[in-house]
Amino acid sequence: MIQDTLQLTMLSPLPEFLDEKEKPLSLAHRPESLDGQVVGLLPNWRPSAVKILEAVGELLQERYNLKGLMQEQPAREVPSRTGALIDGLGGLLDELAGRVDVVITSTGD
C-alpha cells in the first residue's frame, strides 16, 4: 500500500496588526449586565454596518435599561493591511471610550 504525504496549510482570517506583534492585547472588561450602561455603536466603513447597528441598538433598548445609546459615524477610510486605519482613528476611539461604558462594532458588506 502506497502512502502519500499530504501537506495542509492553514490561514487565519484574523488581521495581524503591527502594534499587536510586540505586545499582545487582552480583551476589555465586560460588565455583567448592560443595565445602566452607556453603549456606543461604532460601524465600519460599509453602509450596511449602520443598519446592522441600528437594529442591534433597538434590541438593546428593548432588553436593557440603558443609560444611553450613542450611534457613531462610520469610519470613512478604507482599512489597509498595515494598521494605518487604526492609527488614524486613535483619537476618535480614545474620545469615544471616554464617553461610553461599552462599544459594539459592526462590519457590514
PDB file of N, CA and C in Angstrom:
ATOM      1  N   MET A   1       0.840  -1.181   0.000  1.00  0.00           N
ATOM      2  CA  MET A   1       0.000   0.000   0.000  1.00  0.00           C
ATOM      3  C   MET A   1       0.887   1.247   0.000  1.00  0.00           C
ATOM      4  N   ILE A   2       0.620   2.169  -0.885  1.00  0.00           N
ATOM      5  CA  ILE A   2       1.403   3.395  -1.007  1.00  0.00           C
ATOM      6  C   ILE A   2       0.736   4.492  -0.182  1.00  0.00           C
ATOM      7  N   GLN A   3       1.533   5.129   0.663  1.00  0.00           N
ATOM      8  CA  GLN A   3       1.008   6.246   1.455  1.00  0.00           C
ATOM      9  C   GLN A   3       1.575   7.547   0.915  1.00  0.00           C
ATOM     10  N   ASP A   4       0.683   8.434   0.555  1.00  0.00           N
ATOM     11  CA  ASP A   4       1.102   9.760   0.099  1.00  0.00           C
ATOM     12  C   ASP A   4       1.149  10.704   1.294  1.00  0.00           C
ATOM     13  N   THR A   5       2.097  11.578   1.273  1.00  0.00           N
ATOM     14  CA  THR A   5       2.180  12.591   2.318  1.00  0.00           C
ATOM     15  C   THR A   5       1.368  13.796   1.880  1.00  0.00           C
ATOM     16  N   LEU A   6       0.459  14.204   2.746  1.00  0.00           N
ATOM     17  CA  LEU A   6      -0.352  15.381   2.466  1.00  0.00           C
ATOM     18  C   LEU A   6       0.185  16.557   3.259  1.00  0.00           C
ATOM     19  N   GLN A   7       0.157  17.697   2.642  1.00  0.00           N
ATOM     20  CA  GLN A   7       0.578  18.912   3.330  1.00  0.00           C
ATOM     21  C   GLN A   7      -0.618  19.838   3.408  1.00  0.00           C
ATOM     22  N   LEU A   8      -0.866  20.361   4.593  1.00  0.00           N
ATOM     23  CA  LEU A   8      -2.000  21.242   4.824  1.00  0.00           C
ATOM     24  C   LEU A   8      -1.483  22.590   5.306  1.00  0.00           C
ATOM     25  N   THR A   9      -1.913  23.637   4.650  1.00  0.00           N
ATOM     26  CA  THR A   9      -1.566  24.989   5.071  1.00  0.00           C
ATOM     27  C   THR A   9      -2.831  25.661   5.567  1.00  0.00           C
ATOM     28  N   MET A  10      -2.796  26.135   6.807  1.00  0.00           N
ATOM     29  CA  MET A  10      -3.963  26.809   7.376  1.00  0.00           C
ATOM     30  C   MET A  10      -3.681  28.302   7.455  1.00  0.00           C
ATOM     31  N   LEU A  11      -4.667  29.087   7.072  1.00  0.00           N
ATOM     32  CA  LEU A  11      -4.553  30.537   7.130  1.00  0.00           C
ATOM     33  C   LEU A  11      -5.575  31.073   8.116  1.00  0.00           C
ATOM     34  N   SER A  12      -5.174  32.019   8.906  1.00  0.00           N
ATOM     35  CA  SER A  12      -6.088  32.648   9.857  1.00  0.00           C
ATOM     36  C   SER A  12      -6.740  33.859   9.198  1.00  0.00           C
ATOM     37  N   PRO A  13      -8.067  33.999   9.332  1.00  0.00           N
ATOM     38  CA  PRO A  13      -8.733  35.177   8.774  1.00  0.00           C
ATOM     39  C   PRO A  13      -8.558  36.416   9.655  1.00  0.00           C
ATOM     40  N   LEU A  14      -7.925  36.259  10.806  1.00  0.00           N
ATOM     41  CA  LEU A  14      -7.752  37.382  11.714  1.00  0.00           C
ATOM     42  C   LEU A  14      -6.624  38.283  11.237  1.00  0.00           C
ATOM     43  N   PRO A  15      -6.839  39.604  11.309  1.00  0.00           N
ATOM     44  CA  PRO A  15      -5.772  40.512  10.887  1.00  0.00           C
ATOM     45  C   PRO A  15      -4.627  40.493  11.890  1.00  0.00           C
ATOM     46  N   GLU A  16      -3.459  40.748  11.407  1.00  0.00           N
ATOM     47  CA  GLU A  16      -2.294  40.864  12.284  1.00  0.00           C
ATOM     48  C   GLU A  16      -1.814  42.303  12.194  1.00  0.00           C
ATOM     49  N   PHE A  17      -2.087  43.061  13.243  1.00  0.00           N
ATOM     50  CA  PHE A  17      -1.717  44.462  13.253  1.00  0.00           C
ATOM     51  C   PHE A  17      -0.308  44.628  13.794  1.00  0.00           C
ATOM     52  N   LEU A  18       0.392  45.604  13.263  1.00  0.00           N
ATOM     53  CA  LEU A  18       1.782  45.820  13.642  1.00  0.00           C
ATOM     54  C   LEU A  18       1.937  46.087  15.134  1.00  0.00           C
ATOM     55  N   ASP A  19       0.988  46.825  15.732  1.00  0.00           N
ATOM     56  CA  ASP A  19       1.124  47.152  17.148  1.00  0.00           C
ATOM     57  C   ASP A  19       0.820  45.971  18.059  1.00  0.00           C
ATOM     58  N   GLU A  20       0.281  44.890  17.532  1.00  0.00           N
ATOM     59  CA  GLU A  20      -0.013  43.716  18.348  1.00  0.00           C
ATOM     60  C   GLU A  20       1.100  42.678  18.290  1.00  0.00           C
ATOM     61  N   LYS A  21       2.051  42.847  17.390  1.00  0.00           N
ATOM     62  CA  LYS A  21       3.139  41.875  17.280  1.00  0.00           C
ATOM     63  C   LYS A  21       4.067  41.940  18.488  1.00  0.00           C
ATOM     64  N   GLU A  22       4.331  43.158  18.958  1.00  0.00           N
ATOM     65  CA  GLU A  22       5.271  43.321  20.060  1.00  0.00           C
ATOM     66  C   GLU A  22       4.615  43.105  21.418  1.00  0.00           C
ATOM     67  N   LYS A  23       3.387  43.562  21.578  1.00  0.00           N
ATOM     68  CA  LYS A  23       2.705  43.473  22.863  1.00  0.00           C
ATOM     69  C   LYS A  23       1.272  43.004  22.605  1.00  0.00           C
ATOM     70  N   PRO A  24       0.960  41.732  22.868  1.00  0.00           N
ATOM     71  CA  PRO A  24      -0.396  41.241  22.627  1.00  0.00           C
ATOM     72  C   PRO A  24      -1.424  41.993  23.475  1.00  0.00           C
ATOM     73  N   LEU A  25      -2.587  42.211  22.896  1.00  0.00           N
ATOM     74  CA  LEU A  25      -3.661  42.897  23.598  1.00  0.00           C
ATOM     75  C   LEU A  25      -4.591  41.879  24.246  1.00  0.00           C
ATOM     76  N   SER A  26      -5.179  42.259  25.355  1.00  0.00           N
ATOM     77  CA  SER A  26      -6.152  41.389  26.005  1.00  0.00           C
ATOM     78  C   SER A  26      -7.546  41.973  25.804  1.00  0.00           C
ATOM     79  N   LEU A  27      -8.558  41.170  26.052  1.00  0.00           N
ATOM     80  CA  LEU A  27      -9.928  41.638  25.916  1.00  0.00           C
ATOM     81  C   LEU A  27     -10.253  42.646  27.005  1.00  0.00           C
ATOM     82  N   ALA A  28     -11.085  43.601  26.673  1.00  0.00           N
ATOM     83  CA  ALA A  28     -11.520  44.599  27.645  1.00  0.00           C
ATOM     84  C   ALA A  28     -12.478  43.959  28.645  1.00  0.00           C
ATOM     85  N   HIS A  29     -12.587  44.575  29.811  1.00  0.00           N
ATOM     86  CA  HIS A  29     -13.528  44.113  30.832  1.00  0.00           C
ATOM     87  C   HIS A  29     -14.949  44.179  30.281  1.00  0.00           C
ATOM     88  N   ARG A  30     -15.741  43.178  30.580  1.00  0.00           N
ATOM     89  CA  ARG A  30     -17.136  43.159  30.143  1.00  0.00           C
ATOM     90  C   ARG A  30     -18.043  43.219  31.362  1.00  0.00           C
ATOM     91  N   PRO A  31     -18.997  44.159  31.371  1.00  0.00           N
ATOM     92  CA  PRO A  31     -19.904  44.241  32.515  1.00  0.00           C
ATOM     93  C   PRO A  31     -20.831  43.026  32.558  1.00  0.00           C
ATOM     94  N   GLU A  32     -21.315  42.707  33.755  1.00  0.00           N
ATOM     95  CA  GLU A  32     -22.230  41.570  33.890  1.00  0.00           C
ATOM     96  C   GLU A  32     -23.563  41.846  33.211  1.00  0.00           C
ATOM     97  N   SER A  33     -23.969  43.115  33.158  1.00  0.00           N
ATOM     98  CA  SER A  33     -25.233  43.498  32.537  1.00  0.00           C
ATOM     99  C   SER A  33     -25.045  44.834  31.827  1.00  0.00           C
ATOM    100  N   LEU A  34     -25.904  45.105  30.873  1.00  0.00           N
ATOM    101  CA  LEU A  34     -25.885  46.402  30.196  1.00  0.00           C
ATOM    102  C   LEU A  34     -26.828  47.401  30.857  1.00  0.00           C
ATOM    103  N   ASP A  35     -27.572  46.966  31.879  1.00  0.00           N
ATOM    104  CA  ASP A  35     -28.451  47.879  32.605  1.00  0.00           C
ATOM    105  C   ASP A  35     -27.624  49.021  33.190  1.00  0.00           C
ATOM    106  N   GLY A  36     -28.076  50.256  32.957  1.00  0.00           N
ATOM    107  CA  GLY A  36     -27.393  51.427  33.491  1.00  0.00           C
ATOM    108  C   GLY A  36     -26.119  51.813  32.757  1.00  0.00           C
ATOM    109  N   GLN A  37     -25.826  51.178  31.645  1.00  0.00           N
ATOM    110  CA  GLN A  37     -24.600  51.446  30.888  1.00  0.00           C
ATOM    111  C   GLN A  37     -24.887  52.368  29.697  1.00  0.00           C
ATOM    112  N   VAL A  38     -23.875  53.125  29.304  1.00  0.00           N
ATOM    113  CA  VAL A  38     -23.928  53.893  28.060  1.00  0.00           C
ATOM    114  C   VAL A  38     -23.240  53.040  27.004  1.00  0.00           C
ATOM    115  N   VAL A  39     -23.979  52.718  25.944  1.00  0.00           N
ATOM    116  CA  VAL A  39     -23.474  51.836  24.892  1.00  0.00           C
ATOM    117  C   VAL A  39     -23.182  52.664  23.641  1.00  0.00           C
ATOM    118  N   GLY A  40     -21.985  52.519  23.111  1.00  0.00           N
ATOM    119  CA  GLY A  40     -21.609  53.162  21.859  1.00  0.00           C
ATOM    120  C   GLY A  40     -21.682  52.158  20.723  1.00  0.00           C
ATOM    121  N   LEU A  41     -22.231  52.581  19.604  1.00  0.00           N
ATOM    122  CA  LEU A  41     -22.340  51.730  18.418  1.00  0.00           C
ATOM    123  C   LEU A  41     -21.418  52.315  17.350  1.00  0.00           C
ATOM    124  N   LEU A  42     -20.443  51.527  16.919  1.00  0.00           N
ATOM    125  CA  LEU A  42     -19.405  52.019  16.010  1.00  0.00           C
ATOM    126  C   LEU A  42     -19.367  51.175  14.739  1.00  0.00           C
ATOM    127  N   PRO A  43     -19.958  51.683  13.637  1.00  0.00           N
ATOM    128  CA  PRO A  43     -19.924  50.938  12.379  1.00  0.00           C
ATOM    129  C   PRO A  43     -18.593  51.109  11.661  1.00  0.00           C
ATOM    130  N   ASN A  44     -18.277  50.116  10.819  1.00  0.00           N
ATOM    131  CA  ASN A  44     -17.098  50.282   9.973  1.00  0.00           C
ATOM    132  C   ASN A  44     -17.503  51.084   8.743  1.00  0.00           C
ATOM    133  N   TRP A  45     -16.709  51.072   7.726  1.00  0.00           N
ATOM    134  CA  TRP A  45     -16.917  51.919   6.556  1.00  0.00           C
ATOM    135  C   TRP A  45     -17.920  51.367   5.551  1.00  0.00           C
ATOM    136  N   ARG A  46     -18.502  50.215   5.799  1.00  0.00           N
ATOM    137  CA  ARG A  46     -19.505  49.648   4.890  1.00  0.00           C
ATOM    138  C   ARG A  46     -20.903  50.158   5.252  1.00  0.00           C
ATOM    139  N   PRO A  47     -21.725  50.550   4.250  1.00  0.00           N
ATOM    140  CA  PRO A  47     -23.043  51.127   4.537  1.00  0.00           C
ATOM    141  C   PRO A  47     -23.972  50.236   5.361  1.00  0.00           C
ATOM    142  N   SER A  48     -23.955  48.945   5.138  1.00  0.00           N
ATOM    143  CA  SER A  48     -24.887  48.088   5.874  1.00  0.00           C
ATOM    144  C   SER A  48     -24.520  47.951   7.345  1.00  0.00           C
ATOM    145  N   ALA A  49     -23.306  48.325   7.728  1.00  0.00           N
ATOM    146  CA  ALA A  49     -22.909  48.258   9.138  1.00  0.00           C
ATOM    147  C   ALA A  49     -23.777  49.186   9.983  1.00  0.00           C
ATOM    148  N   VAL A  50     -24.148  50.339   9.444  1.00  0.00           N
ATOM    149  CA  VAL A  50     -25.008  51.278  10.164  1.00  0.00           C
ATOM    150  C   VAL A  50     -26.369  50.639  10.418  1.00  0.00           C
ATOM    151  N   LYS A  51     -26.930  49.996   9.402  1.00  0.00           N
ATOM    152  CA  LYS A  51     -28.242  49.354   9.545  1.00  0.00           C
ATOM    153  C   LYS A  51     -28.198  48.215  10.557  1.00  0.00           C
ATOM    154  N   ILE A  52     -27.117  47.448  10.533  1.00  0.00           N
ATOM    155  CA  ILE A  52     -26.967  46.352  11.493  1.00  0.00           C
ATOM    156  C   ILE A  52     -26.981  46.907  12.911  1.00  0.00           C
ATOM    157  N   LEU A  53     -26.211  47.960  13.144  1.00  0.00           N
ATOM    158  CA  LEU A  53     -26.124  48.517  14.491  1.00  0.00           C
ATOM    159  C   LEU A  53     -27.400  49.234  14.915  1.00  0.00           C
ATOM    160  N   GLU A  54     -28.136  49.805  13.983  1.00  0.00           N
ATOM    161  CA  GLU A  54     -29.436  50.391  14.332  1.00  0.00           C
ATOM    162  C   GLU A  54     -30.369  49.312  14.867  1.00  0.00           C
ATOM    163  N   ALA A  55     -30.383  48.156  14.214  1.00  0.00           N
ATOM    164  CA  ALA A  55     -31.219  47.040  14.676  1.00  0.00           C
ATOM    165  C   ALA A  55     -30.742  46.523  16.032  1.00  0.00           C
ATOM    166  N   VAL A  56     -29.434  46.399  16.203  1.00  0.00           N
ATOM    167  CA  VAL A  56     -28.877  45.952  17.486  1.00  0.00           C
ATOM    168  C   VAL A  56     -29.239  46.951  18.585  1.00  0.00           C
ATOM    169  N   GLY A  57     -29.124  48.238  18.292  1.00  0.00           N
ATOM    170  CA  GLY A  57     -29.467  49.272  19.267  1.00  0.00           C
ATOM    171  C   GLY A  57     -30.915  49.190  19.711  1.00  0.00           C
ATOM    172  N   GLU A  58     -31.825  48.964  18.769  1.00  0.00           N
ATOM    173  CA  GLU A  58     -33.244  48.819  19.110  1.00  0.00           C
ATOM    174  C   GLU A  58     -33.463  47.621  20.027  1.00  0.00           C
ATOM    175  N   LEU A  59     -32.820  46.503  19.713  1.00  0.00           N
ATOM    176  CA  LEU A  59     -32.946  45.309  20.563  1.00  0.00           C
ATOM    177  C   LEU A  59     -32.390  45.556  21.966  1.00  0.00           C
ATOM    178  N   LEU A  60     -31.258  46.227  22.048  1.00  0.00           N
ATOM    179  CA  LEU A  60     -30.667  46.510  23.355  1.00  0.00           C
ATOM    180  C   LEU A  60     -31.577  47.399  24.195  1.00  0.00           C
ATOM    181  N   GLN A  61     -32.212  48.383  23.566  1.00  0.00           N
ATOM    182  CA  GLN A  61     -33.113  49.267  24.297  1.00  0.00           C
ATOM    183  C   GLN A  61     -34.351  48.524  24.788  1.00  0.00           C
ATOM    184  N   GLU A  62     -34.793  47.520  24.043  1.00  0.00           N
ATOM    185  CA  GLU A  62     -35.932  46.708  24.475  1.00  0.00           C
ATOM    186  C   GLU A  62     -35.567  45.798  25.642  1.00  0.00           C
ATOM    187  N   ARG A  63     -34.348  45.279  25.638  1.00  0.00           N
ATOM    188  CA  ARG A  63     -33.953  44.253  26.611  1.00  0.00           C
ATOM    189  C   ARG A  63     -33.271  44.792  27.861  1.00  0.00           C
ATOM    190  N   TYR A  64     -32.713  45.995  27.795  1.00  0.00           N
ATOM    191  CA  TYR A  64     -31.956  46.536  28.923  1.00  0.00           C
ATOM    192  C   TYR A  64     -32.423  47.945  29.251  1.00  0.00           C
ATOM    193  N   ASN A  65     -32.167  48.353  30.462  1.00  0.00           N
ATOM    194  CA  ASN A  65     -32.439  49.715  30.907  1.00  0.00           C
ATOM    195  C   ASN A  65     -31.154  50.525  30.717  1.00  0.00           C
ATOM    196  N   LEU A  66     -30.889  50.892  29.469  1.00  0.00           N
ATOM    197  CA  LEU A  66     -29.647  51.596  29.141  1.00  0.00           C
ATOM    198  C   LEU A  66     -29.674  53.027  29.662  1.00  0.00           C
ATOM    199  N   LYS A  67     -28.530  53.499  30.108  1.00  0.00           N
ATOM    200  CA  LYS A  67     -28.391  54.904  30.490  1.00  0.00           C
ATOM    201  C   LYS A  67     -28.309  55.770  29.235  1.00  0.00           C
ATOM    202  N   GLY A  68     -27.759  55.222  28.171  1.00  0.00           N
ATOM    203  CA  GLY A  68     -27.651  55.947  26.920  1.00  0.00           C
ATOM    204  C   GLY A  68     -27.206  55.040  25.786  1.00  0.00           C
ATOM    205  N   LEU A  69     -27.514  55.469  24.561  1.00  0.00           N
ATOM    206  CA  LEU A  69     -27.119  54.735  23.361  1.00  0.00           C
ATOM    207  C   LEU A  69     -26.584  55.766  22.375  1.00  0.00           C
ATOM    208  N   MET A  70     -25.341  55.620  21.952  1.00  0.00           N
ATOM    209  CA  MET A  70     -24.707  56.589  21.062  1.00  0.00           C
ATOM    210  C   MET A  70     -24.306  55.919  19.752  1.00  0.00           C
ATOM    211  N   GLN A  71     -24.918  56.363  18.660  1.00  0.00           N
ATOM    212  CA  GLN A  71     -24.576  55.852  17.335  1.00  0.00           C
ATOM    213  C   GLN A  71     -23.502  56.754  16.745  1.00  0.00           C
ATOM    214  N   GLU A  72     -22.310  56.219  16.553  1.00  0.00           N
ATOM    215  CA  GLU A  72     -21.201  56.988  15.995  1.00  0.00           C
ATOM    216  C   GLU A  72     -21.261  56.981  14.472  1.00  0.00           C
ATOM    217  N   GLN A  73     -20.597  57.948  13.859  1.00  0.00           N
ATOM    218  CA  GLN A  73     -20.489  57.995  12.408  1.00  0.00           C
ATOM    219  C   GLN A  73     -19.528  56.906  11.946  1.00  0.00           C
ATOM    220  N   PRO A  74     -19.806  56.292  10.792  1.00  0.00           N
ATOM    221  CA  PRO A  74     -18.894  55.253  10.306  1.00  0.00           C
ATOM    222  C   PRO A  74     -17.537  55.827   9.918  1.00  0.00           C
ATOM    223  N   ALA A  75     -16.544  54.987  10.042  1.00  0.00           N
ATOM    224  CA  ALA A  75     -15.202  55.350   9.576  1.00  0.00           C
ATOM    225  C   ALA A  75     -15.260  55.492   8.062  1.00  0.00           C
ATOM    226  N   ARG A  76     -14.717  56.554   7.538  1.00  0.00           N
ATOM    227  CA  ARG A  76     -14.771  56.797   6.086  1.00  0.00           C
ATOM    228  C   ARG A  76     -13.544  56.270   5.360  1.00  0.00           C
ATOM    229  N   GLU A  77     -12.509  55.955   6.107  1.00  0.00           N
ATOM    230  CA  GLU A  77     -11.289  55.478   5.473  1.00  0.00           C
ATOM    231  C   GLU A  77     -11.381  53.983   5.218  1.00  0.00           C
ATOM    232  N   VAL A  78     -10.853  53.558   4.097  1.00  0.00           N
ATOM    233  CA  VAL A  78     -10.779  52.136   3.793  1.00  0.00           C
ATOM    234  C   VAL A  78      -9.584  51.559   4.543  1.00  0.00           C
ATOM    235  N   PRO A  79      -9.774  50.436   5.235  1.00  0.00           N
ATOM    236  CA  PRO A  79      -8.659  49.880   6.006  1.00  0.00           C
ATOM    237  C   PRO A  79      -7.498  49.445   5.125  1.00  0.00           C
ATOM    238  N   SER A  80      -6.323  49.456   5.703  1.00  0.00           N
ATOM    239  CA  SER A  80      -5.140  48.980   5.000  1.00  0.00           C
ATOM    240  C   SER A  80      -4.553  47.812   5.765  1.00  0.00           C
ATOM    241  N   ARG A  81      -3.657  47.111   5.158  1.00  0.00           N
ATOM    242  CA  ARG A  81      -3.057  45.938   5.798  1.00  0.00           C
ATOM    243  C   ARG A  81      -1.995  46.303   6.833  1.00  0.00           C
ATOM    244  N   THR A  82      -1.657  47.561   6.938  1.00  0.00           N
ATOM    245  CA  THR A  82      -0.588  47.961   7.856  1.00  0.00           C
ATOM    246  C   THR A  82      -1.095  48.449   9.200  1.00  0.00           C
ATOM    247  N   GLY A  83      -2.405  48.498   9.394  1.00  0.00           N
ATOM    248  CA  GLY A  83      -2.941  49.019  10.643  1.00  0.00           C
ATOM    249  C   GLY A  83      -3.073  50.532  10.634  1.00  0.00           C
ATOM    250  N   ALA A  84      -2.872  51.167   9.482  1.00  0.00           N
ATOM    251  CA  ALA A  84      -2.909  52.625   9.401  1.00  0.00           C
ATOM    252  C   ALA A  84      -4.292  53.187   9.710  1.00  0.00           C
ATOM    253  N   LEU A  85      -5.359  52.452   9.425  1.00  0.00           N
ATOM    254  CA  LEU A  85      -6.700  52.936   9.731  1.00  0.00           C
ATOM    255  C   LEU A  85      -6.858  53.113  11.232  1.00  0.00           C
ATOM    256  N   ILE A  86      -6.405  52.140  11.997  1.00  0.00           N
ATOM    257  CA  ILE A  86      -6.500  52.226  13.447  1.00  0.00           C
ATOM    258  C   ILE A  86      -5.686  53.414  13.954  1.00  0.00           C
ATOM    259  N   ASP A  87      -4.504  53.636  13.388  1.00  0.00           N
ATOM    260  CA  ASP A  87      -3.687  54.782  13.790  1.00  0.00           C
ATOM    261  C   ASP A  87      -4.435  56.091  13.547  1.00  0.00           C
ATOM    262  N   GLY A  88      -5.098  56.203  12.409  1.00  0.00           N
ATOM    263  CA  GLY A  88      -5.830  57.414  12.072  1.00  0.00           C
ATOM    264  C   GLY A  88      -7.057  57.635  12.934  1.00  0.00           C
ATOM    265  N   LEU A  89      -7.636  56.569  13.441  1.00  0.00           N
ATOM    266  CA  LEU A  89      -8.839  56.671  14.263  1.00  0.00           C
ATOM    267  C   LEU A  89      -8.529  56.709  15.754  1.00  0.00           C
ATOM    268  N   GLY A  90      -7.258  56.660  16.110  1.00  0.00           N
ATOM    269  CA  GLY A  90      -6.880  56.586  17.521  1.00  0.00           C
ATOM    270  C   GLY A  90      -7.535  57.646  18.385  1.00  0.00           C
ATOM    271  N   GLY A  91      -7.506  58.901  17.938  1.00  0.00           N
ATOM    272  CA  GLY A  91      -8.116  59.983  18.713  1.00  0.00           C
ATOM    273  C   GLY A  91      -9.612  59.800  18.859  1.00  0.00           C
ATOM    274  N   LEU A  92     -10.280  59.420  17.780  1.00  0.00           N
ATOM    275  CA  LEU A  92     -11.721  59.181  17.819  1.00  0.00           C
ATOM    276  C   LEU A  92     -12.054  58.048  18.782  1.00  0.00           C
ATOM    277  N   LEU A  93     -11.285  56.981  18.719  1.00  0.00           N
ATOM    278  CA  LEU A  93     -11.547  55.833  19.588  1.00  0.00           C
ATOM    279  C   LEU A  93     -11.298  56.177  21.050  1.00  0.00           C
ATOM    280  N   ASP A  94     -10.253  56.933  21.331  1.00  0.00           N
ATOM    281  CA  ASP A  94      -9.980  57.353  22.705  1.00  0.00           C
ATOM    282  C   ASP A  94     -11.098  58.242  23.231  1.00  0.00           C
ATOM    283  N   GLU A  95     -11.568  59.161  22.394  1.00  0.00           N
ATOM    284  CA  GLU A  95     -12.646  60.067  22.792  1.00  0.00           C
ATOM    285  C   GLU A  95     -13.935  59.287  23.036  1.00  0.00           C
ATOM    286  N   LEU A  96     -14.235  58.341  22.168  1.00  0.00           N
ATOM    287  CA  LEU A  96     -15.426  57.507  22.335  1.00  0.00           C
ATOM    288  C   LEU A  96     -15.338  56.691  23.621  1.00  0.00           C
ATOM    289  N   ALA A  97     -14.190  56.127  23.894  1.00  0.00           N
ATOM    290  CA  ALA A  97     -14.005  55.323  25.112  1.00  0.00           C
ATOM    291  C   ALA A  97     -14.246  56.150  26.368  1.00  0.00           C
ATOM    292  N   GLY A  98     -14.007  57.448  26.303  1.00  0.00           N
ATOM    293  CA  GLY A  98     -14.254  58.315  27.448  1.00  0.00           C
ATOM    294  C   GLY A  98     -15.717  58.662  27.647  1.00  0.00           C
ATOM    295  N   ARG A  99     -16.551  58.446  26.620  1.00  0.00           N
ATOM    296  CA  ARG A  99     -17.975  58.797  26.699  1.00  0.00           C
ATOM    297  C   ARG A  99     -18.894  57.616  26.953  1.00  0.00           C
ATOM    298  N   VAL A 100     -18.417  56.405  26.729  1.00  0.00           N
ATOM    299  CA  VAL A 100     -19.290  55.232  26.834  1.00  0.00           C
ATOM    300  C   VAL A 100     -18.685  54.193  27.773  1.00  0.00           C
ATOM    301  N   ASP A 101     -19.536  53.265  28.198  1.00  0.00           N
ATOM    302  CA  ASP A 101     -19.073  52.156  29.038  1.00  0.00           C
ATOM    303  C   ASP A 101     -18.730  50.930  28.208  1.00  0.00           C
ATOM    304  N   VAL A 102     -19.451  50.756  27.111  1.00  0.00           N
ATOM    305  CA  VAL A 102     -19.315  49.575  26.256  1.00  0.00           C
ATOM    306  C   VAL A 102     -19.411  50.029  24.808  1.00  0.00           C
ATOM    307  N   VAL A 103     -18.617  49.429  23.931  1.00  0.00           N
ATOM    308  CA  VAL A 103     -18.707  49.719  22.497  1.00  0.00           C
ATOM    309  C   VAL A 103     -19.007  48.426  21.757  1.00  0.00           C
ATOM    310  N   ILE A 104     -19.964  48.512  20.853  1.00  0.00           N
ATOM    311  CA  ILE A 104     -20.274  47.397  19.958  1.00  0.00           C
ATOM    312  C   ILE A 104     -19.955  47.881  18.556  1.00  0.00           C
ATOM    313  N   THR A 105     -19.215  47.083  17.825  1.00  0.00           N
ATOM    314  CA  THR A 105     -18.850  47.466  16.465  1.00  0.00           C
ATOM    315  C   THR A 105     -19.444  46.473  15.478  1.00  0.00           C
ATOM    316  N   SER A 106     -19.530  46.888  14.242  1.00  0.00           N
ATOM    317  CA  SER A 106     -20.108  46.034  13.211  1.00  0.00           C
ATOM    318  C   SER A 106     -19.325  46.196  11.920  1.00  0.00           C
ATOM    319  N   THR A 107     -19.180  45.090  11.221  1.00  0.00           N
ATOM    320  CA  THR A 107     -18.636  45.135   9.875  1.00  0.00           C
ATOM    321  C   THR A 107     -19.735  44.690   8.932  1.00  0.00           C
ATOM    322  N   GLY A 108     -20.159  45.572   8.077  1.00  0.00           N
ATOM    323  CA  GLY A 108     -21.208  45.247   7.131  1.00  0.00           C
ATOM    324  C   GLY A 108     -20.637  45.125   5.738  1.00  0.00           C
ATOM    325  N   ASP A 109     -21.405  44.530   4.859  1.00  0.00           N
ATOM    326  CA  ASP A 109     -20.964  44.413   3.480  1.00  0.00           C
ATOM    327  C   ASP A 109     -22.151  44.494   2.553  1.00  0.00           C
TER     328      ASP A 109
END
